[in-house]
Structure formats: C-alpha cells, structure tokens
C-alpha cells in the first residue's frame, strides 16, 4: 500500500464531467457564440466582419437543427456547477460537436460517421470536455451501427492533432489544395478511428 506524503500539497479535486445531451433550437444563440469564438478572432479589421461570420454560422446551424435528420446529431456539453462557480441564468454550455452519417459511393469506402465543429468555450478548456464530446460521438456511431469515425484537422494545428491522437484517431490521408501548394494554408489531414462492433446495432 502506498501512503501519501504528509508534506505534499493537497491536490485539487477533479472538475466534474459535463452532461452531454442533444442540442436544440433553444441552444442556438449560445452554440453560435461558442463556435464563432473558437474558430474566428476579432483582432484588427476582423472585428468588422465578425458579426457577419456569426450570422452565417447561426443560420447554417439553425437549418441543420431544424431538419432533424436521423443521420445527424449535434451534441452540447453542459457544465456541472460547482460550489465556487459563478451563478448563471440557465445551463452553461461548455462545448459542442456535430456528427453526421456519411455514405460515400461504393468505390470511396464504407459508411462512416464524420465529426465536425468540435468547439469548447474558453472558460471550460483543459477540463477534458473535448474528449468527453468525442466519446459521445462514438456512442452515437454505435447506436447507428457504424464502426468508422472520420474527421479533418489542419496539419499545423498541433494541439488538436494531439487531442485526436489521445482519443484514438490516426492520420490516414494528407490532402493538398491550391492554397497549400502556394504556402497560403496548411494541408488538411484526414484522421480515422475504428470502433469495436456494438452488440446491438440500430441502423439510422
């Protein structure tokens, strides 16, 4: 039995894991804020176009949520309040992710679940929320009877690549574009994870 060192400082308790649930239209404004702030900045001249970018994200997400497709899921992570957390009106949305069933042509491979728009609010980063959302996507895929998950990440986004490797994804393809050939943009990497086949399959 290993005994704790009485001289070592006490460890802070681990942050409670968020509750993940399907997103709804009532989450639309907050989800749009999280997505826009995660993928775009407001420095310099960008502050003038930021409202238009946010509006575009809002409208696109609204259409996907309203469609209620059985082959699409938007998940939101709800932060669990702690004793010292600041009270908020309603639920605190910590992050979001989207998953959709992709069924390519036969020569392009098998069906897979494509993960996109993984974003965590800056207030709740470094708490394992992104990993929790990725695991929730795996559960969605298993409910749909799908064992392959795919996602894209930019080659120069080292933090995101490390996160996806930790979640069990590996690079299967490097994708060039005219912008990457000219050195204006990093290449995209396609990453994949294969799940164990679930016991009970529910085809969407």
N, C-alpha and C. Protein backbone atom coordinates (compact mmCIF):
# COMPACT_ATOMS: atom_id res chain seq x y z
N UNK A 1 0.85 -1.19 0.00
CA UNK A 1 0.00 0.00 0.00
C UNK A 1 0.88 1.24 0.00
N UNK A 2 0.59 2.22 -0.90
CA UNK A 2 1.38 3.44 -1.00
C UNK A 2 0.71 4.51 -0.16
N UNK A 3 1.48 5.11 0.76
CA UNK A 3 0.95 6.15 1.62
C UNK A 3 1.29 7.52 1.04
N UNK A 4 0.39 8.46 1.26
CA UNK A 4 0.59 9.82 0.76
C UNK A 4 1.64 10.52 1.60
N UNK A 5 2.42 11.38 0.95
CA UNK A 5 3.43 12.18 1.65
C UNK A 5 2.71 13.30 2.41
N UNK A 6 2.85 13.36 3.75
CA UNK A 6 2.13 14.39 4.51
C UNK A 6 2.61 15.80 4.19
N UNK A 7 3.81 15.93 3.59
CA UNK A 7 4.34 17.25 3.27
C UNK A 7 3.93 17.74 1.88
N UNK A 8 3.33 16.87 1.09
CA UNK A 8 2.95 17.28 -0.26
C UNK A 8 1.68 18.11 -0.20
N UNK A 9 1.56 19.11 -1.09
CA UNK A 9 0.36 19.97 -1.09
C UNK A 9 -0.86 19.18 -1.48
N UNK A 10 -2.01 19.53 -0.95
CA UNK A 10 -3.25 18.80 -1.31
C UNK A 10 -3.60 19.00 -2.77
N UNK A 11 -4.08 17.94 -3.39
CA UNK A 11 -4.44 18.02 -4.79
C UNK A 11 -5.85 18.58 -4.93
N UNK A 12 -6.01 19.43 -5.96
CA UNK A 12 -7.33 19.99 -6.22
C UNK A 12 -8.25 18.91 -6.74
N UNK A 13 -9.49 18.90 -6.32
CA UNK A 13 -10.42 17.88 -6.82
C UNK A 13 -10.65 18.03 -8.31
N UNK A 14 -10.80 16.89 -8.98
CA UNK A 14 -11.02 16.92 -10.42
C UNK A 14 -12.34 17.61 -10.74
N UNK A 15 -12.33 18.36 -11.85
CA UNK A 15 -13.55 19.06 -12.26
C UNK A 15 -14.62 18.04 -12.65
N UNK A 16 -15.86 18.24 -12.24
CA UNK A 16 -16.91 17.29 -12.60
C UNK A 16 -17.12 17.25 -14.10
N UNK A 17 -17.34 16.05 -14.62
CA UNK A 17 -17.53 15.89 -16.05
C UNK A 17 -18.88 16.48 -16.48
N UNK A 18 -18.91 17.12 -17.64
CA UNK A 18 -20.15 17.75 -18.09
C UNK A 18 -21.19 16.72 -18.49
N UNK A 19 -22.42 17.16 -18.50
CA UNK A 19 -23.52 16.34 -19.01
C UNK A 19 -23.66 16.63 -20.50
N UNK A 20 -23.66 15.60 -21.32
CA UNK A 20 -23.78 15.76 -22.77
C UNK A 20 -25.20 15.37 -23.19
N UNK A 21 -25.83 16.23 -23.93
CA UNK A 21 -27.18 15.97 -24.42
C UNK A 21 -27.31 16.50 -25.84
N UNK A 22 -28.36 16.06 -26.58
CA UNK A 22 -28.58 16.62 -27.91
C UNK A 22 -28.90 18.10 -27.81
N UNK A 23 -28.37 18.87 -28.76
CA UNK A 23 -28.66 20.30 -28.80
C UNK A 23 -30.05 20.53 -29.36
N UNK A 24 -30.61 21.67 -29.02
CA UNK A 24 -31.94 22.04 -29.53
C UNK A 24 -31.89 23.49 -29.99
N UNK A 25 -32.97 23.94 -30.60
CA UNK A 25 -33.02 25.31 -31.10
C UNK A 25 -32.88 26.34 -29.99
N UNK A 26 -33.27 25.99 -28.77
CA UNK A 26 -33.13 26.96 -27.69
C UNK A 26 -31.66 27.19 -27.32
N UNK A 27 -30.77 26.30 -27.78
CA UNK A 27 -29.33 26.46 -27.53
C UNK A 27 -28.64 27.27 -28.62
N UNK A 28 -29.39 27.65 -29.65
CA UNK A 28 -28.78 28.15 -30.88
C UNK A 28 -27.87 29.35 -30.66
N UNK A 29 -28.32 30.35 -29.91
CA UNK A 29 -27.51 31.55 -29.70
C UNK A 29 -26.19 31.23 -29.01
N UNK A 30 -26.27 30.46 -27.93
CA UNK A 30 -25.05 30.16 -27.17
C UNK A 30 -24.11 29.27 -27.97
N UNK A 31 -24.65 28.30 -28.68
CA UNK A 31 -23.80 27.45 -29.51
C UNK A 31 -23.10 28.26 -30.59
N UNK A 32 -23.82 29.21 -31.17
CA UNK A 32 -23.22 30.07 -32.19
C UNK A 32 -22.07 30.88 -31.60
N UNK A 33 -22.24 31.38 -30.39
CA UNK A 33 -21.16 32.13 -29.73
C UNK A 33 -19.92 31.25 -29.53
N UNK A 34 -20.14 30.02 -29.06
CA UNK A 34 -19.02 29.12 -28.81
C UNK A 34 -18.30 28.79 -30.11
N UNK A 35 -19.03 28.48 -31.16
CA UNK A 35 -18.42 28.13 -32.45
C UNK A 35 -17.68 29.31 -33.05
N UNK A 36 -18.30 30.48 -33.07
CA UNK A 36 -17.68 31.63 -33.70
C UNK A 36 -16.40 32.03 -32.97
N UNK A 37 -16.46 32.07 -31.64
CA UNK A 37 -15.27 32.46 -30.87
C UNK A 37 -14.16 31.43 -30.98
N UNK A 38 -14.50 30.16 -31.19
CA UNK A 38 -13.49 29.10 -31.26
C UNK A 38 -12.74 29.11 -32.58
N UNK A 39 -13.41 29.49 -33.66
CA UNK A 39 -12.79 29.38 -34.98
C UNK A 39 -12.41 30.70 -35.62
N UNK A 40 -12.83 31.82 -35.03
CA UNK A 40 -12.52 33.13 -35.61
C UNK A 40 -12.14 34.11 -34.50
N UNK A 41 -11.24 35.00 -34.81
CA UNK A 41 -10.86 36.02 -33.82
C UNK A 41 -11.41 37.38 -34.24
N UNK A 42 -11.32 38.31 -33.33
CA UNK A 42 -11.88 39.65 -33.57
C UNK A 42 -10.80 40.72 -33.57
N UNK A 43 -9.57 40.33 -33.84
CA UNK A 43 -8.47 41.30 -33.84
C UNK A 43 -8.50 42.15 -35.11
N UNK A 44 -8.13 43.42 -34.93
CA UNK A 44 -7.97 44.32 -36.07
C UNK A 44 -9.23 44.44 -36.91
N UNK A 45 -9.05 44.34 -38.22
CA UNK A 45 -10.15 44.54 -39.15
C UNK A 45 -11.20 43.44 -39.05
N UNK A 46 -10.83 42.30 -38.44
CA UNK A 46 -11.78 41.19 -38.36
C UNK A 46 -12.99 41.51 -37.49
N UNK A 47 -12.84 42.50 -36.60
CA UNK A 47 -13.98 42.85 -35.75
C UNK A 47 -15.16 43.37 -36.57
N UNK A 48 -14.86 43.91 -37.76
CA UNK A 48 -15.93 44.47 -38.59
C UNK A 48 -16.70 43.37 -39.32
N UNK A 49 -16.07 42.26 -39.62
CA UNK A 49 -16.76 41.18 -40.33
C UNK A 49 -17.26 40.10 -39.37
N UNK A 50 -16.83 40.17 -38.12
CA UNK A 50 -17.20 39.14 -37.14
C UNK A 50 -18.72 38.96 -37.04
N UNK A 51 -19.52 40.04 -36.96
CA UNK A 51 -20.98 39.85 -36.87
C UNK A 51 -21.56 39.10 -38.07
N UNK A 52 -20.99 39.32 -39.26
CA UNK A 52 -21.50 38.64 -40.44
C UNK A 52 -21.11 37.16 -40.42
N UNK A 53 -19.89 36.87 -39.93
CA UNK A 53 -19.48 35.47 -39.78
C UNK A 53 -20.38 34.76 -38.79
N UNK A 54 -20.67 35.44 -37.66
CA UNK A 54 -21.54 34.84 -36.65
C UNK A 54 -22.93 34.57 -37.22
N UNK A 55 -23.45 35.51 -38.01
CA UNK A 55 -24.77 35.33 -38.59
C UNK A 55 -24.80 34.12 -39.53
N UNK A 56 -23.75 33.96 -40.30
CA UNK A 56 -23.68 32.81 -41.21
C UNK A 56 -23.66 31.49 -40.45
N UNK A 57 -22.87 31.43 -39.37
CA UNK A 57 -22.81 30.22 -38.54
C UNK A 57 -24.17 29.95 -37.91
N UNK A 58 -24.82 31.01 -37.44
CA UNK A 58 -26.14 30.89 -36.81
C UNK A 58 -27.15 30.28 -37.79
N UNK A 59 -27.21 30.82 -38.99
CA UNK A 59 -28.20 30.36 -39.97
C UNK A 59 -27.91 28.92 -40.41
N UNK A 60 -26.64 28.60 -40.64
CA UNK A 60 -26.30 27.23 -41.05
C UNK A 60 -26.68 26.22 -39.97
N UNK A 61 -26.32 26.54 -38.71
CA UNK A 61 -26.63 25.62 -37.62
C UNK A 61 -28.13 25.50 -37.42
N UNK A 62 -28.85 26.61 -37.56
CA UNK A 62 -30.31 26.57 -37.40
C UNK A 62 -30.95 25.63 -38.41
N UNK A 63 -30.47 25.68 -39.64
CA UNK A 63 -31.03 24.80 -40.66
C UNK A 63 -30.76 23.34 -40.34
N UNK A 64 -29.58 23.03 -39.86
CA UNK A 64 -29.26 21.64 -39.53
C UNK A 64 -30.11 21.15 -38.35
N UNK A 65 -30.29 22.00 -37.34
CA UNK A 65 -31.09 21.60 -36.18
C UNK A 65 -32.56 21.45 -36.55
N UNK A 66 -33.07 22.34 -37.39
CA UNK A 66 -34.49 22.28 -37.78
C UNK A 66 -34.78 21.06 -38.66
N UNK A 67 -33.79 20.62 -39.42
CA UNK A 67 -34.02 19.49 -40.32
C UNK A 67 -34.30 18.20 -39.56
N UNK A 68 -33.74 18.06 -38.36
CA UNK A 68 -33.95 16.88 -37.52
C UNK A 68 -33.71 15.58 -38.29
N UNK A 69 -32.62 15.55 -39.02
CA UNK A 69 -32.27 14.35 -39.79
C UNK A 69 -31.85 13.21 -38.86
N UNK A 70 -32.30 11.99 -39.12
CA UNK A 70 -31.87 10.86 -38.31
C UNK A 70 -30.41 10.49 -38.53
N UNK A 71 -29.79 11.11 -39.53
CA UNK A 71 -28.38 10.84 -39.83
C UNK A 71 -27.48 11.98 -39.37
N UNK A 72 -27.99 12.79 -38.47
CA UNK A 72 -27.22 13.94 -37.98
C UNK A 72 -27.47 14.11 -36.49
N UNK A 73 -26.41 14.49 -35.76
CA UNK A 73 -26.54 14.76 -34.33
C UNK A 73 -25.66 15.95 -33.97
N UNK A 74 -26.24 16.89 -33.26
CA UNK A 74 -25.48 18.00 -32.68
C UNK A 74 -25.56 17.83 -31.16
N UNK A 75 -24.41 17.70 -30.54
CA UNK A 75 -24.35 17.46 -29.11
C UNK A 75 -23.82 18.69 -28.40
N UNK A 76 -24.29 18.91 -27.20
CA UNK A 76 -23.80 20.02 -26.39
C UNK A 76 -23.41 19.51 -25.02
N UNK A 77 -22.29 20.01 -24.51
CA UNK A 77 -21.81 19.65 -23.17
C UNK A 77 -22.26 20.73 -22.20
N UNK A 78 -22.97 20.33 -21.17
CA UNK A 78 -23.47 21.26 -20.16
C UNK A 78 -22.58 21.15 -18.93
N UNK A 79 -21.98 22.27 -18.55
CA UNK A 79 -21.08 22.28 -17.40
C UNK A 79 -21.86 22.01 -16.11
N UNK A 80 -21.28 21.20 -15.23
CA UNK A 80 -21.87 20.91 -13.94
C UNK A 80 -21.44 22.00 -12.96
N UNK A 81 -22.38 22.74 -12.35
CA UNK A 81 -21.99 23.80 -11.42
C UNK A 81 -21.23 23.24 -10.22
N UNK A 82 -20.25 24.01 -9.76
CA UNK A 82 -19.51 23.66 -8.56
C UNK A 82 -19.82 24.67 -7.47
N UNK A 83 -19.31 24.39 -6.27
CA UNK A 83 -19.62 25.25 -5.13
C UNK A 83 -19.11 26.67 -5.34
N UNK A 84 -17.97 26.82 -6.05
CA UNK A 84 -17.39 28.15 -6.23
C UNK A 84 -17.64 28.73 -7.62
N UNK A 85 -18.51 28.10 -8.39
CA UNK A 85 -18.77 28.62 -9.73
C UNK A 85 -19.72 29.80 -9.66
N UNK A 86 -19.61 30.66 -10.67
CA UNK A 86 -20.45 31.85 -10.73
C UNK A 86 -21.85 31.47 -11.21
N UNK A 87 -22.89 31.86 -10.51
CA UNK A 87 -24.26 31.52 -10.94
C UNK A 87 -24.56 32.11 -12.31
N UNK A 88 -25.28 31.34 -13.12
CA UNK A 88 -25.67 31.80 -14.46
C UNK A 88 -27.16 31.58 -14.63
N UNK A 89 -27.73 32.29 -15.57
CA UNK A 89 -29.13 32.11 -15.91
C UNK A 89 -29.24 30.95 -16.89
N UNK A 90 -29.80 29.84 -16.46
CA UNK A 90 -29.92 28.67 -17.32
C UNK A 90 -28.65 27.83 -17.31
N UNK A 91 -28.60 26.89 -18.25
CA UNK A 91 -27.47 25.97 -18.33
C UNK A 91 -26.25 26.66 -18.94
N UNK A 92 -25.08 26.27 -18.46
CA UNK A 92 -23.83 26.80 -19.01
C UNK A 92 -23.32 25.84 -20.06
N UNK A 93 -23.35 26.25 -21.33
CA UNK A 93 -22.88 25.40 -22.42
C UNK A 93 -21.36 25.48 -22.49
N UNK A 94 -20.72 24.34 -22.27
CA UNK A 94 -19.26 24.30 -22.24
C UNK A 94 -18.66 23.96 -23.59
N UNK A 95 -19.40 23.27 -24.43
CA UNK A 95 -18.85 22.89 -25.72
C UNK A 95 -19.87 22.22 -26.59
N UNK A 96 -19.48 21.95 -27.83
CA UNK A 96 -20.41 21.33 -28.78
C UNK A 96 -19.63 20.55 -29.83
N UNK A 97 -20.31 19.64 -30.49
CA UNK A 97 -19.72 18.87 -31.59
C UNK A 97 -20.87 18.36 -32.46
N UNK A 98 -20.57 18.13 -33.73
CA UNK A 98 -21.58 17.60 -34.65
C UNK A 98 -21.08 16.30 -35.26
N UNK A 99 -22.01 15.39 -35.48
CA UNK A 99 -21.70 14.10 -36.10
C UNK A 99 -22.74 13.81 -37.17
N UNK A 100 -22.31 13.34 -38.31
CA UNK A 100 -23.25 13.03 -39.40
C UNK A 100 -22.82 11.74 -40.09
N UNK A 101 -23.82 11.02 -40.55
CA UNK A 101 -23.55 9.77 -41.25
C UNK A 101 -23.19 10.06 -42.69
N UNK A 102 -22.04 9.57 -43.11
CA UNK A 102 -21.61 9.74 -44.48
C UNK A 102 -21.65 8.37 -45.18
N UNK A 103 -22.28 8.34 -46.33
CA UNK A 103 -22.38 7.11 -47.09
C UNK A 103 -21.86 7.38 -48.49
N UNK A 104 -20.54 7.25 -48.69
CA UNK A 104 -19.95 7.55 -49.99
C UNK A 104 -20.32 6.50 -51.03
N UNK A 105 -19.90 6.78 -52.25
CA UNK A 105 -20.10 5.80 -53.31
C UNK A 105 -19.29 4.56 -53.01
N UNK A 106 -19.71 3.40 -53.55
CA UNK A 106 -19.04 2.14 -53.21
C UNK A 106 -17.53 2.17 -53.39
N UNK A 107 -17.03 2.87 -54.40
CA UNK A 107 -15.58 2.89 -54.63
C UNK A 107 -14.85 3.84 -53.67
N UNK A 108 -15.59 4.58 -52.85
CA UNK A 108 -14.96 5.50 -51.91
C UNK A 108 -14.85 4.94 -50.49
N UNK A 109 -15.31 3.72 -50.28
CA UNK A 109 -15.19 3.13 -48.96
C UNK A 109 -16.53 2.95 -48.27
N UNK A 110 -16.47 2.46 -47.05
CA UNK A 110 -17.68 2.15 -46.30
C UNK A 110 -18.28 3.39 -45.66
N UNK A 111 -19.48 3.20 -45.11
CA UNK A 111 -20.13 4.28 -44.38
C UNK A 111 -19.32 4.63 -43.13
N UNK A 112 -19.37 5.89 -42.76
CA UNK A 112 -18.67 6.32 -41.56
C UNK A 112 -19.40 7.51 -40.95
N UNK A 113 -19.08 7.79 -39.72
CA UNK A 113 -19.60 8.97 -39.03
C UNK A 113 -18.53 10.05 -39.12
N UNK A 114 -18.93 11.20 -39.65
CA UNK A 114 -17.99 12.31 -39.80
C UNK A 114 -18.20 13.30 -38.66
N UNK A 115 -17.13 13.64 -37.96
CA UNK A 115 -17.17 14.55 -36.82
C UNK A 115 -16.70 15.92 -37.26
N UNK A 116 -17.44 16.96 -36.88
CA UNK A 116 -17.07 18.32 -37.27
C UNK A 116 -17.48 19.30 -36.19
N UNK A 117 -16.95 20.51 -36.31
CA UNK A 117 -17.33 21.63 -35.44
C UNK A 117 -17.21 21.29 -33.95
N UNK A 118 -16.11 20.65 -33.59
CA UNK A 118 -15.81 20.42 -32.17
C UNK A 118 -15.26 21.72 -31.58
N UNK A 119 -15.96 22.26 -30.60
CA UNK A 119 -15.56 23.55 -30.02
C UNK A 119 -15.87 23.54 -28.53
N UNK A 120 -14.96 24.13 -27.75
CA UNK A 120 -15.13 24.23 -26.30
C UNK A 120 -15.01 25.70 -25.92
N UNK A 121 -15.93 26.17 -25.12
CA UNK A 121 -15.88 27.55 -24.63
C UNK A 121 -14.57 27.79 -23.88
N UNK A 122 -13.97 28.95 -24.09
CA UNK A 122 -12.67 29.25 -23.49
C UNK A 122 -12.68 29.10 -21.97
N UNK A 123 -13.80 29.39 -21.33
CA UNK A 123 -13.90 29.29 -19.87
C UNK A 123 -13.72 27.86 -19.39
N UNK A 124 -14.05 26.88 -20.23
CA UNK A 124 -14.09 25.49 -19.80
C UNK A 124 -13.01 24.62 -20.45
N UNK A 125 -12.01 25.23 -21.05
CA UNK A 125 -10.97 24.44 -21.70
C UNK A 125 -10.03 23.81 -20.68
N UNK A 126 -9.32 22.77 -21.15
CA UNK A 126 -8.38 22.00 -20.32
C UNK A 126 -9.07 21.28 -19.17
N UNK A 127 -10.31 20.87 -19.40
CA UNK A 127 -11.07 20.10 -18.40
C UNK A 127 -11.54 18.77 -18.95
N UNK A 128 -11.04 18.37 -20.10
CA UNK A 128 -11.42 17.09 -20.68
C UNK A 128 -12.75 17.10 -21.40
N UNK A 129 -13.30 18.28 -21.66
CA UNK A 129 -14.62 18.35 -22.29
C UNK A 129 -14.57 17.90 -23.75
N UNK A 130 -13.51 18.25 -24.46
CA UNK A 130 -13.41 17.83 -25.86
C UNK A 130 -13.38 16.31 -25.96
N UNK A 131 -12.63 15.65 -25.08
CA UNK A 131 -12.59 14.19 -25.09
C UNK A 131 -13.96 13.60 -24.76
N UNK A 132 -14.64 14.22 -23.82
CA UNK A 132 -15.98 13.75 -23.47
C UNK A 132 -16.92 13.84 -24.67
N UNK A 133 -16.84 14.92 -25.43
CA UNK A 133 -17.68 15.08 -26.61
C UNK A 133 -17.31 14.06 -27.69
N UNK A 134 -16.04 13.78 -27.86
CA UNK A 134 -15.62 12.78 -28.84
C UNK A 134 -16.14 11.39 -28.46
N UNK A 135 -16.09 11.07 -27.18
CA UNK A 135 -16.61 9.77 -26.73
C UNK A 135 -18.12 9.71 -26.96
N UNK A 136 -18.79 10.83 -26.79
CA UNK A 136 -20.23 10.85 -27.04
C UNK A 136 -20.52 10.61 -28.53
N UNK A 137 -19.66 11.11 -29.41
CA UNK A 137 -19.81 10.82 -30.84
C UNK A 137 -19.64 9.33 -31.12
N UNK A 138 -18.74 8.69 -30.40
CA UNK A 138 -18.57 7.25 -30.55
C UNK A 138 -19.85 6.52 -30.16
N UNK A 139 -20.50 6.97 -29.10
CA UNK A 139 -21.75 6.35 -28.68
C UNK A 139 -22.84 6.54 -29.73
N UNK A 140 -22.86 7.73 -30.36
CA UNK A 140 -23.82 7.97 -31.44
C UNK A 140 -23.55 7.01 -32.59
N UNK A 141 -22.28 6.87 -32.97
CA UNK A 141 -21.93 5.97 -34.07
C UNK A 141 -22.35 4.53 -33.76
N UNK A 142 -22.14 4.09 -32.53
CA UNK A 142 -22.51 2.73 -32.17
C UNK A 142 -24.03 2.53 -32.20
N UNK A 143 -24.77 3.56 -31.80
CA UNK A 143 -26.24 3.46 -31.90
C UNK A 143 -26.68 3.34 -33.35
N UNK A 144 -25.93 3.98 -34.24
CA UNK A 144 -26.26 3.91 -35.67
C UNK A 144 -25.71 2.64 -36.33
N UNK A 145 -24.95 1.86 -35.59
CA UNK A 145 -24.37 0.66 -36.15
C UNK A 145 -23.17 0.91 -37.04
N UNK A 146 -22.44 2.00 -36.78
CA UNK A 146 -21.28 2.39 -37.58
C UNK A 146 -20.02 2.26 -36.73
N UNK A 147 -18.97 1.70 -37.32
CA UNK A 147 -17.73 1.47 -36.58
C UNK A 147 -16.59 2.40 -36.99
N UNK A 148 -16.79 3.19 -38.03
CA UNK A 148 -15.72 4.08 -38.51
C UNK A 148 -16.08 5.53 -38.20
N UNK A 149 -15.13 6.26 -37.62
CA UNK A 149 -15.29 7.68 -37.39
C UNK A 149 -14.18 8.41 -38.14
N UNK A 150 -14.53 9.49 -38.83
CA UNK A 150 -13.57 10.30 -39.56
C UNK A 150 -13.67 11.76 -39.10
N UNK A 151 -12.58 12.47 -39.24
CA UNK A 151 -12.58 13.91 -39.01
C UNK A 151 -11.39 14.51 -39.73
N UNK A 152 -11.43 15.82 -39.92
CA UNK A 152 -10.31 16.54 -40.53
C UNK A 152 -9.69 17.48 -39.51
N UNK A 153 -8.39 17.70 -39.66
CA UNK A 153 -7.68 18.66 -38.84
C UNK A 153 -6.59 19.29 -39.70
N UNK A 154 -6.30 20.56 -39.46
CA UNK A 154 -5.23 21.21 -40.21
C UNK A 154 -3.88 20.72 -39.71
N UNK A 155 -2.96 20.57 -40.63
CA UNK A 155 -1.66 19.98 -40.30
C UNK A 155 -0.91 20.80 -39.26
N UNK A 156 -1.09 22.13 -39.24
CA UNK A 156 -0.35 22.96 -38.30
C UNK A 156 -1.07 23.15 -36.96
N UNK A 157 -2.23 22.52 -36.78
CA UNK A 157 -2.95 22.61 -35.51
C UNK A 157 -2.47 21.49 -34.60
N UNK A 158 -1.32 21.71 -33.99
CA UNK A 158 -0.69 20.64 -33.22
C UNK A 158 -1.49 20.25 -31.99
N UNK A 159 -2.13 21.22 -31.35
CA UNK A 159 -2.92 20.92 -30.15
C UNK A 159 -4.10 20.01 -30.49
N UNK A 160 -4.79 20.32 -31.60
CA UNK A 160 -5.93 19.48 -32.00
C UNK A 160 -5.46 18.10 -32.41
N UNK A 161 -4.33 18.01 -33.12
CA UNK A 161 -3.83 16.71 -33.52
C UNK A 161 -3.49 15.85 -32.30
N UNK A 162 -2.89 16.48 -31.29
CA UNK A 162 -2.57 15.74 -30.06
C UNK A 162 -3.85 15.25 -29.37
N UNK A 163 -4.88 16.10 -29.36
CA UNK A 163 -6.15 15.71 -28.76
C UNK A 163 -6.73 14.50 -29.47
N UNK A 164 -6.75 14.52 -30.80
CA UNK A 164 -7.35 13.42 -31.55
C UNK A 164 -6.53 12.14 -31.41
N UNK A 165 -5.22 12.25 -31.36
CA UNK A 165 -4.39 11.06 -31.12
C UNK A 165 -4.71 10.46 -29.76
N UNK A 166 -4.88 11.32 -28.76
CA UNK A 166 -5.22 10.84 -27.43
C UNK A 166 -6.56 10.13 -27.43
N UNK A 167 -7.47 10.58 -28.29
CA UNK A 167 -8.79 9.96 -28.39
C UNK A 167 -8.78 8.69 -29.24
N UNK A 168 -7.63 8.35 -29.83
CA UNK A 168 -7.52 7.11 -30.58
C UNK A 168 -7.59 7.25 -32.08
N UNK A 169 -7.54 8.49 -32.60
CA UNK A 169 -7.57 8.70 -34.04
C UNK A 169 -6.15 8.67 -34.60
N UNK A 170 -6.03 8.27 -35.85
CA UNK A 170 -4.74 8.26 -36.53
C UNK A 170 -4.90 8.83 -37.94
N UNK A 171 -3.82 9.41 -38.45
CA UNK A 171 -3.86 10.04 -39.78
C UNK A 171 -3.86 8.95 -40.85
N UNK A 172 -4.79 9.07 -41.80
CA UNK A 172 -4.87 8.10 -42.89
C UNK A 172 -4.65 8.76 -44.26
N UNK A 173 -4.71 10.09 -44.31
CA UNK A 173 -4.56 10.76 -45.61
C UNK A 173 -4.18 12.21 -45.41
N UNK A 174 -3.29 12.70 -46.25
CA UNK A 174 -2.92 14.12 -46.28
C UNK A 174 -3.49 14.73 -47.54
N UNK A 175 -4.22 15.83 -47.38
CA UNK A 175 -4.94 16.42 -48.51
C UNK A 175 -4.35 17.79 -48.85
N UNK A 176 -3.88 17.91 -50.09
CA UNK A 176 -3.36 19.18 -50.59
C UNK A 176 -4.47 19.99 -51.24
N UNK A 177 -4.22 21.25 -51.39
CA UNK A 177 -5.15 22.16 -52.08
C UNK A 177 -4.31 23.22 -52.79
N UNK A 178 -4.91 23.98 -53.71
CA UNK A 178 -4.15 25.06 -54.35
C UNK A 178 -3.54 26.03 -53.32
N UNK A 179 -4.28 26.31 -52.22
CA UNK A 179 -3.75 27.22 -51.21
C UNK A 179 -2.54 26.62 -50.50
N UNK A 180 -2.56 25.31 -50.25
CA UNK A 180 -1.41 24.68 -49.59
C UNK A 180 -0.22 24.57 -50.53
N UNK A 181 -0.47 24.38 -51.84
CA UNK A 181 0.63 24.35 -52.80
C UNK A 181 1.35 25.69 -52.84
N UNK A 182 0.59 26.78 -52.66
CA UNK A 182 1.19 28.11 -52.69
C UNK A 182 1.73 28.55 -51.34
N UNK A 183 1.58 27.71 -50.32
CA UNK A 183 2.05 28.05 -48.99
C UNK A 183 1.16 29.03 -48.25
N UNK A 184 -0.09 29.18 -48.73
CA UNK A 184 -1.01 30.13 -48.09
C UNK A 184 -1.82 29.48 -46.98
N UNK A 185 -1.85 28.17 -46.96
CA UNK A 185 -2.66 27.45 -45.98
C UNK A 185 -2.03 26.09 -45.72
N UNK A 186 -2.18 25.61 -44.49
CA UNK A 186 -1.66 24.28 -44.16
C UNK A 186 -2.50 23.21 -44.83
N UNK A 187 -1.92 22.04 -44.97
CA UNK A 187 -2.66 20.92 -45.54
C UNK A 187 -3.66 20.38 -44.52
N UNK A 188 -4.70 19.73 -45.04
CA UNK A 188 -5.67 19.06 -44.18
C UNK A 188 -5.28 17.60 -44.01
N UNK A 189 -5.47 17.11 -42.79
CA UNK A 189 -5.22 15.70 -42.50
C UNK A 189 -6.54 15.01 -42.22
N UNK A 190 -6.75 13.88 -42.85
CA UNK A 190 -7.91 13.05 -42.55
C UNK A 190 -7.51 12.03 -41.50
N UNK A 191 -8.26 12.01 -40.39
CA UNK A 191 -7.97 11.08 -39.30
C UNK A 191 -9.14 10.12 -39.13
N UNK A 192 -8.82 8.92 -38.66
CA UNK A 192 -9.83 7.88 -38.56
C UNK A 192 -9.67 7.10 -37.26
N UNK A 193 -10.81 6.64 -36.75
CA UNK A 193 -10.82 5.73 -35.61
C UNK A 193 -11.82 4.62 -35.89
N UNK A 194 -11.42 3.38 -35.61
CA UNK A 194 -12.29 2.23 -35.79
C UNK A 194 -12.74 1.72 -34.44
N UNK A 195 -14.05 1.58 -34.27
CA UNK A 195 -14.62 1.10 -33.02
C UNK A 195 -14.88 -0.39 -33.07
N UNK A 196 -14.97 -0.98 -31.90
CA UNK A 196 -15.41 -2.37 -31.84
C UNK A 196 -16.88 -2.45 -32.22
N UNK A 197 -17.27 -3.44 -33.00
CA UNK A 197 -18.69 -3.55 -33.38
C UNK A 197 -19.57 -3.68 -32.14
N UNK A 198 -20.64 -2.88 -32.07
CA UNK A 198 -21.54 -2.97 -30.91
C UNK A 198 -22.33 -4.27 -30.93
N UNK A 199 -22.81 -4.67 -29.78
CA UNK A 199 -23.57 -5.91 -29.67
C UNK A 199 -24.91 -5.79 -30.37
N UNK A 200 -25.58 -4.64 -30.14
CA UNK A 200 -26.89 -4.43 -30.76
C UNK A 200 -26.77 -3.24 -31.72
N UNK A 201 -27.12 -3.45 -32.95
CA UNK A 201 -27.00 -2.43 -33.97
C UNK A 201 -28.36 -1.80 -34.24
N UNK A 202 -28.37 -0.46 -34.36
CA UNK A 202 -29.58 0.27 -34.72
C UNK A 202 -29.25 1.13 -35.93
N UNK A 203 -29.68 0.72 -37.09
CA UNK A 203 -29.35 1.45 -38.31
C UNK A 203 -30.19 2.73 -38.39
N UNK A 204 -29.56 3.89 -38.66
CA UNK A 204 -30.33 5.14 -38.79
C UNK A 204 -31.11 5.17 -40.10
